[in-house]
PDB file of N, CA and C in Angstrom:
ATOM      1  N   UNK A   1      43.220  67.654 161.498  1.00  0.00           N
ATOM      2  CA  UNK A   1      41.931  67.407 162.097  1.00  0.00           C
ATOM      3  C   UNK A   1      41.055  68.664 162.049  1.00  0.00           C
ATOM      4  N   UNK A   2      41.676  69.829 162.233  1.00  0.00           N
ATOM      5  CA  UNK A   2      40.924  71.078 162.187  1.00  0.00           C
ATOM      6  C   UNK A   2      40.375  71.318 160.790  1.00  0.00           C
ATOM      7  N   UNK A   3      41.137  70.931 159.793  1.00  0.00           N
ATOM      8  CA  UNK A   3      40.686  71.108 158.415  1.00  0.00           C
ATOM      9  C   UNK A   3      39.454  70.245 158.141  1.00  0.00           C
ATOM     10  N   UNK A   4      39.428  69.065 158.716  1.00  0.00           N
ATOM     11  CA  UNK A   4      38.289  68.168 158.528  1.00  0.00           C
ATOM     12  C   UNK A   4      37.044  68.760 159.170  1.00  0.00           C
ATOM     13  N   UNK A   5      37.172  69.277 160.382  1.00  0.00           N
ATOM     14  CA  UNK A   5      36.031  69.898 161.049  1.00  0.00           C
ATOM     15  C   UNK A   5      35.556  71.136 160.294  1.00  0.00           C
ATOM     16  N   UNK A   6      36.498  71.925 159.817  1.00  0.00           N
ATOM     17  CA  UNK A   6      36.149  73.109 159.066  1.00  0.00           C
ATOM     18  C   UNK A   6      35.423  72.736 157.782  1.00  0.00           C
ATOM     19  N   UNK A   7      35.904  71.740 157.094  1.00  0.00           N
ATOM     20  CA  UNK A   7      35.256  71.286 155.865  1.00  0.00           C
ATOM     21  C   UNK A   7      33.850  70.765 156.146  1.00  0.00           C
ATOM     22  N   UNK A   8      33.692  69.984 157.188  1.00  0.00           N
ATOM     23  CA  UNK A   8      32.381  69.460 157.559  1.00  0.00           C
ATOM     24  C   UNK A   8      31.433  70.608 157.943  1.00  0.00           C
ATOM     25  N   UNK A   9      31.932  71.592 158.672  1.00  0.00           N
ATOM     26  CA  UNK A   9      31.119  72.742 159.078  1.00  0.00           C
ATOM     27  C   UNK A   9      30.660  73.545 157.864  1.00  0.00           C
ATOM     28  N   UNK A  10      31.549  73.826 156.951  1.00  0.00           N
ATOM     29  CA  UNK A  10      31.186  74.576 155.752  1.00  0.00           C
ATOM     30  C   UNK A  10      30.222  73.797 154.868  1.00  0.00           C
ATOM     31  N   UNK A  11      30.401  72.503 154.801  1.00  0.00           N
ATOM     32  CA  UNK A  11      29.515  71.661 154.003  1.00  0.00           C
ATOM     33  C   UNK A  11      28.109  71.638 154.590  1.00  0.00           C
ATOM     34  N   UNK A  12      27.994  71.593 155.923  1.00  0.00           N
ATOM     35  CA  UNK A  12      26.670  71.581 156.558  1.00  0.00           C
ATOM     36  C   UNK A  12      25.978  72.929 156.424  1.00  0.00           C
ATOM     37  N   UNK A  13      26.731  74.019 156.431  1.00  0.00           N
ATOM     38  CA  UNK A  13      26.133  75.342 156.257  1.00  0.00           C
ATOM     39  C   UNK A  13      25.561  75.486 154.858  1.00  0.00           C
ATOM     40  N   UNK A  14      26.230  74.952 153.865  1.00  0.00           N
ATOM     41  CA  UNK A  14      25.737  75.084 152.493  1.00  0.00           C
ATOM     42  C   UNK A  14      24.379  74.405 152.330  1.00  0.00           C
ATOM     43  N   UNK A  15      24.120  73.319 153.034  1.00  0.00           N
ATOM     44  CA  UNK A  15      22.815  72.670 152.959  1.00  0.00           C
ATOM     45  C   UNK A  15      21.731  73.485 153.668  1.00  0.00           C
ATOM     46  N   UNK A  16      22.090  74.193 154.705  1.00  0.00           N
ATOM     47  CA  UNK A  16      21.081  74.964 155.427  1.00  0.00           C
ATOM     48  C   UNK A  16      20.603  76.161 154.608  1.00  0.00           C
ATOM     49  N   UNK A  17      21.433  76.717 153.747  1.00  0.00           N
ATOM     50  CA  UNK A  17      21.027  77.837 152.905  1.00  0.00           C
ATOM     51  C   UNK A  17      20.371  77.396 151.613  1.00  0.00           C
ATOM     52  N   UNK A  18      20.383  76.138 151.312  1.00  0.00           N
ATOM     53  CA  UNK A  18      19.833  75.674 150.042  1.00  0.00           C
ATOM     54  C   UNK A  18      18.377  75.244 150.143  1.00  0.00           C
ATOM     55  N   UNK A  19      17.737  75.465 151.269  1.00  0.00           N
ATOM     56  CA  UNK A  19      16.348  75.070 151.417  1.00  0.00           C
ATOM     57  C   UNK A  19      15.444  76.097 150.744  1.00  0.00           C
ATOM     58  N   UNK A  20      14.314  75.612 150.221  1.00  0.00           N
ATOM     59  CA  UNK A  20      13.386  76.497 149.521  1.00  0.00           C
ATOM     60  C   UNK A  20      12.178  76.796 150.409  1.00  0.00           C
ATOM     61  N   UNK A  21      11.496  77.853 150.084  1.00  0.00           N
ATOM     62  CA  UNK A  21      10.304  78.246 150.822  1.00  0.00           C
ATOM     63  C   UNK A  21       9.098  77.650 150.096  1.00  0.00           C
ATOM     64  N   UNK A  22       8.527  76.604 150.640  1.00  0.00           N
ATOM     65  CA  UNK A  22       7.428  75.902 149.982  1.00  0.00           C
ATOM     66  C   UNK A  22       6.146  76.727 149.962  1.00  0.00           C
ATOM     67  N   UNK A  23       5.932  77.569 150.945  1.00  0.00           N
ATOM     68  CA  UNK A  23       4.718  78.379 150.977  1.00  0.00           C
ATOM     69  C   UNK A  23       4.689  79.340 149.790  1.00  0.00           C
ATOM     70  N   UNK A  24       5.803  79.987 149.533  1.00  0.00           N
ATOM     71  CA  UNK A  24       5.881  80.910 148.404  1.00  0.00           C
ATOM     72  C   UNK A  24       5.722  80.160 147.083  1.00  0.00           C
ATOM     73  N   UNK A  25       6.330  78.998 146.990  1.00  0.00           N
ATOM     74  CA  UNK A  25       6.217  78.197 145.778  1.00  0.00           C
ATOM     75  C   UNK A  25       4.774  77.760 145.539  1.00  0.00           C
ATOM     76  N   UNK A  26       4.076  77.360 146.587  1.00  0.00           N
ATOM     77  CA  UNK A  26       2.673  76.951 146.454  1.00  0.00           C
ATOM     78  C   UNK A  26       1.782  78.117 146.043  1.00  0.00           C
ATOM     79  N   UNK A  27       2.078  79.319 146.533  1.00  0.00           N
ATOM     80  CA  UNK A  27       1.307  80.495 146.123  1.00  0.00           C
ATOM     81  C   UNK A  27       1.491  80.777 144.640  1.00  0.00           C
ATOM     82  N   UNK A  28       2.699  80.617 144.146  1.00  0.00           N
ATOM     83  CA  UNK A  28       2.962  80.834 142.722  1.00  0.00           C
ATOM     84  C   UNK A  28       2.240  79.788 141.886  1.00  0.00           C
ATOM     85  N   UNK A  29       2.258  78.549 142.333  1.00  0.00           N
ATOM     86  CA  UNK A  29       1.583  77.470 141.612  1.00  0.00           C
ATOM     87  C   UNK A  29       0.080  77.731 141.545  1.00  0.00           C
ATOM     88  N   UNK A  30      -0.514  78.149 142.648  1.00  0.00           N
ATOM     89  CA  UNK A  30      -1.958  78.430 142.661  1.00  0.00           C
ATOM     90  C   UNK A  30      -2.305  79.595 141.739  1.00  0.00           C
ATOM     91  N   UNK A  31      -1.486  80.622 141.727  1.00  0.00           N
ATOM     92  CA  UNK A  31      -1.741  81.767 140.850  1.00  0.00           C
ATOM     93  C   UNK A  31      -1.652  81.355 139.383  1.00  0.00           C
ATOM     94  N   UNK A  32      -0.685  80.525 139.041  1.00  0.00           N
ATOM     95  CA  UNK A  32      -0.548  80.057 137.663  1.00  0.00           C
ATOM     96  C   UNK A  32      -1.717  79.159 137.261  1.00  0.00           C
ATOM     97  N   UNK A  33      -2.204  78.345 138.194  1.00  0.00           N
ATOM     98  CA  UNK A  33      -3.349  77.482 137.901  1.00  0.00           C
ATOM     99  C   UNK A  33      -4.601  78.310 137.655  1.00  0.00           C
ATOM    100  N   UNK A  34      -4.808  79.371 138.453  1.00  0.00           N
ATOM    101  CA  UNK A  34      -5.971  80.229 138.249  1.00  0.00           C
ATOM    102  C   UNK A  34      -5.892  80.951 136.916  1.00  0.00           C
ATOM    103  N   UNK A  35      -4.711  81.394 136.564  1.00  0.00           N
ATOM    104  CA  UNK A  35      -4.522  82.094 135.291  1.00  0.00           C
ATOM    105  C   UNK A  35      -4.802  81.164 134.116  1.00  0.00           C
ATOM    106  N   UNK A  36      -4.294  79.950 134.183  1.00  0.00           N
ATOM    107  CA  UNK A  36      -4.493  78.987 133.100  1.00  0.00           C
ATOM    108  C   UNK A  36      -5.954  78.563 132.997  1.00  0.00           C
ATOM    109  N   UNK A  37      -6.623  78.389 134.128  1.00  0.00           N
ATOM    110  CA  UNK A  37      -8.027  77.978 134.072  1.00  0.00           C
ATOM    111  C   UNK A  37      -8.893  79.085 133.482  1.00  0.00           C
ATOM    112  N   UNK A  38      -8.536  80.336 133.735  1.00  0.00           N
ATOM    113  CA  UNK A  38      -9.268  81.449 133.144  1.00  0.00           C
ATOM    114  C   UNK A  38      -9.145  81.467 131.632  1.00  0.00           C
ATOM    115  N   UNK A  39      -7.989  81.104 131.117  1.00  0.00           N
ATOM    116  CA  UNK A  39      -7.804  81.059 129.666  1.00  0.00           C
ATOM    117  C   UNK A  39      -8.516  79.868 129.036  1.00  0.00           C
ATOM    118  N   UNK A  40      -8.590  78.761 129.753  1.00  0.00           N
ATOM    119  CA  UNK A  40      -9.227  77.564 129.209  1.00  0.00           C
ATOM    120  C   UNK A  40     -10.746  77.653 129.222  1.00  0.00           C
ATOM    121  N   UNK A  41     -11.305  78.420 130.141  1.00  0.00           N
ATOM    122  CA  UNK A  41     -12.756  78.524 130.270  1.00  0.00           C
ATOM    123  C   UNK A  41     -13.303  79.732 129.514  1.00  0.00           C
ATOM    124  N   UNK A  42     -12.759  80.025 128.377  1.00  0.00           N
ATOM    125  CA  UNK A  42     -13.190  81.154 127.569  1.00  0.00           C
ATOM    126  C   UNK A  42     -14.552  80.863 126.961  1.00  0.00           C
ATOM    127  N   UNK A  43     -15.511  81.747 127.184  1.00  0.00           N
ATOM    128  CA  UNK A  43     -16.864  81.576 126.646  1.00  0.00           C
ATOM    129  C   UNK A  43     -16.906  82.157 125.231  1.00  0.00           C
ATOM    130  N   UNK A  44     -17.308  81.352 124.279  1.00  0.00           N
ATOM    131  CA  UNK A  44     -17.381  81.765 122.885  1.00  0.00           C
ATOM    132  C   UNK A  44     -18.790  82.265 122.599  1.00  0.00           C
ATOM    133  N   UNK A  45     -18.882  83.401 121.947  1.00  0.00           N
ATOM    134  CA  UNK A  45     -20.160  83.979 121.568  1.00  0.00           C
ATOM    135  C   UNK A  45     -20.575  83.370 120.224  1.00  0.00           C
ATOM    136  N   UNK A  46     -21.712  82.688 120.141  1.00  0.00           N
ATOM    137  CA  UNK A  46     -22.115  82.050 118.879  1.00  0.00           C
ATOM    138  C   UNK A  46     -22.476  83.054 117.784  1.00  0.00           C
ATOM    139  N   UNK A  47     -22.769  84.304 118.135  1.00  0.00           N
ATOM    140  CA  UNK A  47     -23.118  85.312 117.131  1.00  0.00           C
ATOM    141  C   UNK A  47     -21.909  85.791 116.331  1.00  0.00           C
ATOM    142  N   UNK A  48     -20.714  85.599 116.867  1.00  0.00           N
ATOM    143  CA  UNK A  48     -19.524  86.116 116.184  1.00  0.00           C
ATOM    144  C   UNK A  48     -18.623  85.010 115.663  1.00  0.00           C
ATOM    145  N   UNK A  49     -19.142  83.832 115.458  1.00  0.00           N
ATOM    146  CA  UNK A  49     -18.309  82.724 114.997  1.00  0.00           C
ATOM    147  C   UNK A  49     -17.886  82.859 113.539  1.00  0.00           C
ATOM    148  N   UNK A  50     -18.696  83.553 112.719  1.00  0.00           N
ATOM    149  CA  UNK A  50     -18.381  83.622 111.294  1.00  0.00           C
ATOM    150  C   UNK A  50     -17.669  84.925 110.916  1.00  0.00           C
ATOM    151  N   UNK A  51     -17.197  85.717 111.848  1.00  0.00           N
ATOM    152  CA  UNK A  51     -16.493  86.955 111.526  1.00  0.00           C
ATOM    153  C   UNK A  51     -15.043  86.650 111.145  1.00  0.00           C
ATOM    154  N   UNK A  52     -14.557  87.369 110.124  1.00  0.00           N
ATOM    155  CA  UNK A  52     -13.164  87.267 109.722  1.00  0.00           C
ATOM    156  C   UNK A  52     -12.636  88.699 109.616  1.00  0.00           C
ATOM    157  N   UNK A  53     -12.133  89.232 110.716  1.00  0.00           N
ATOM    158  CA  UNK A  53     -11.700  90.609 110.754  1.00  0.00           C
ATOM    159  C   UNK A  53     -10.218  90.668 110.389  1.00  0.00           C
ATOM    160  N   UNK A  54      -9.937  91.394 109.290  1.00  0.00           N
ATOM    161  CA  UNK A  54      -8.528  91.600 108.913  1.00  0.00           C
ATOM    162  C   UNK A  54      -8.110  93.044 109.167  1.00  0.00           C
ATOM    163  N   UNK A  55      -9.034  93.972 109.183  1.00  0.00           N
ATOM    164  CA  UNK A  55      -8.732  95.378 109.443  1.00  0.00           C
ATOM    165  C   UNK A  55      -9.911  96.022 110.150  1.00  0.00           C
ATOM    166  N   UNK A  56      -9.598  96.781 111.188  1.00  0.00           N
ATOM    167  CA  UNK A  56     -10.648  97.486 111.904  1.00  0.00           C
ATOM    168  C   UNK A  56     -10.128  98.873 112.225  1.00  0.00           C
ATOM    169  N   UNK A  57     -10.897  99.881 111.868  1.00  0.00           N
ATOM    170  CA  UNK A  57     -10.484 101.249 112.109  1.00  0.00           C
ATOM    171  C   UNK A  57     -11.354 101.886 113.171  1.00  0.00           C
TER     172      UNK A  57
END
């Protein structure tokens, strides 16, 4: 009977340590969204559309 209680106790402790921090995860998601939106909203200069630079010194 003691082994059963011990097993149940250890099993319940493992679930308590497996929880994630949602606040930290949401902060990471927001930072990644801002980074991606900055890359997608790139403003193209119409004066430099026909440049083909292969070497610049």
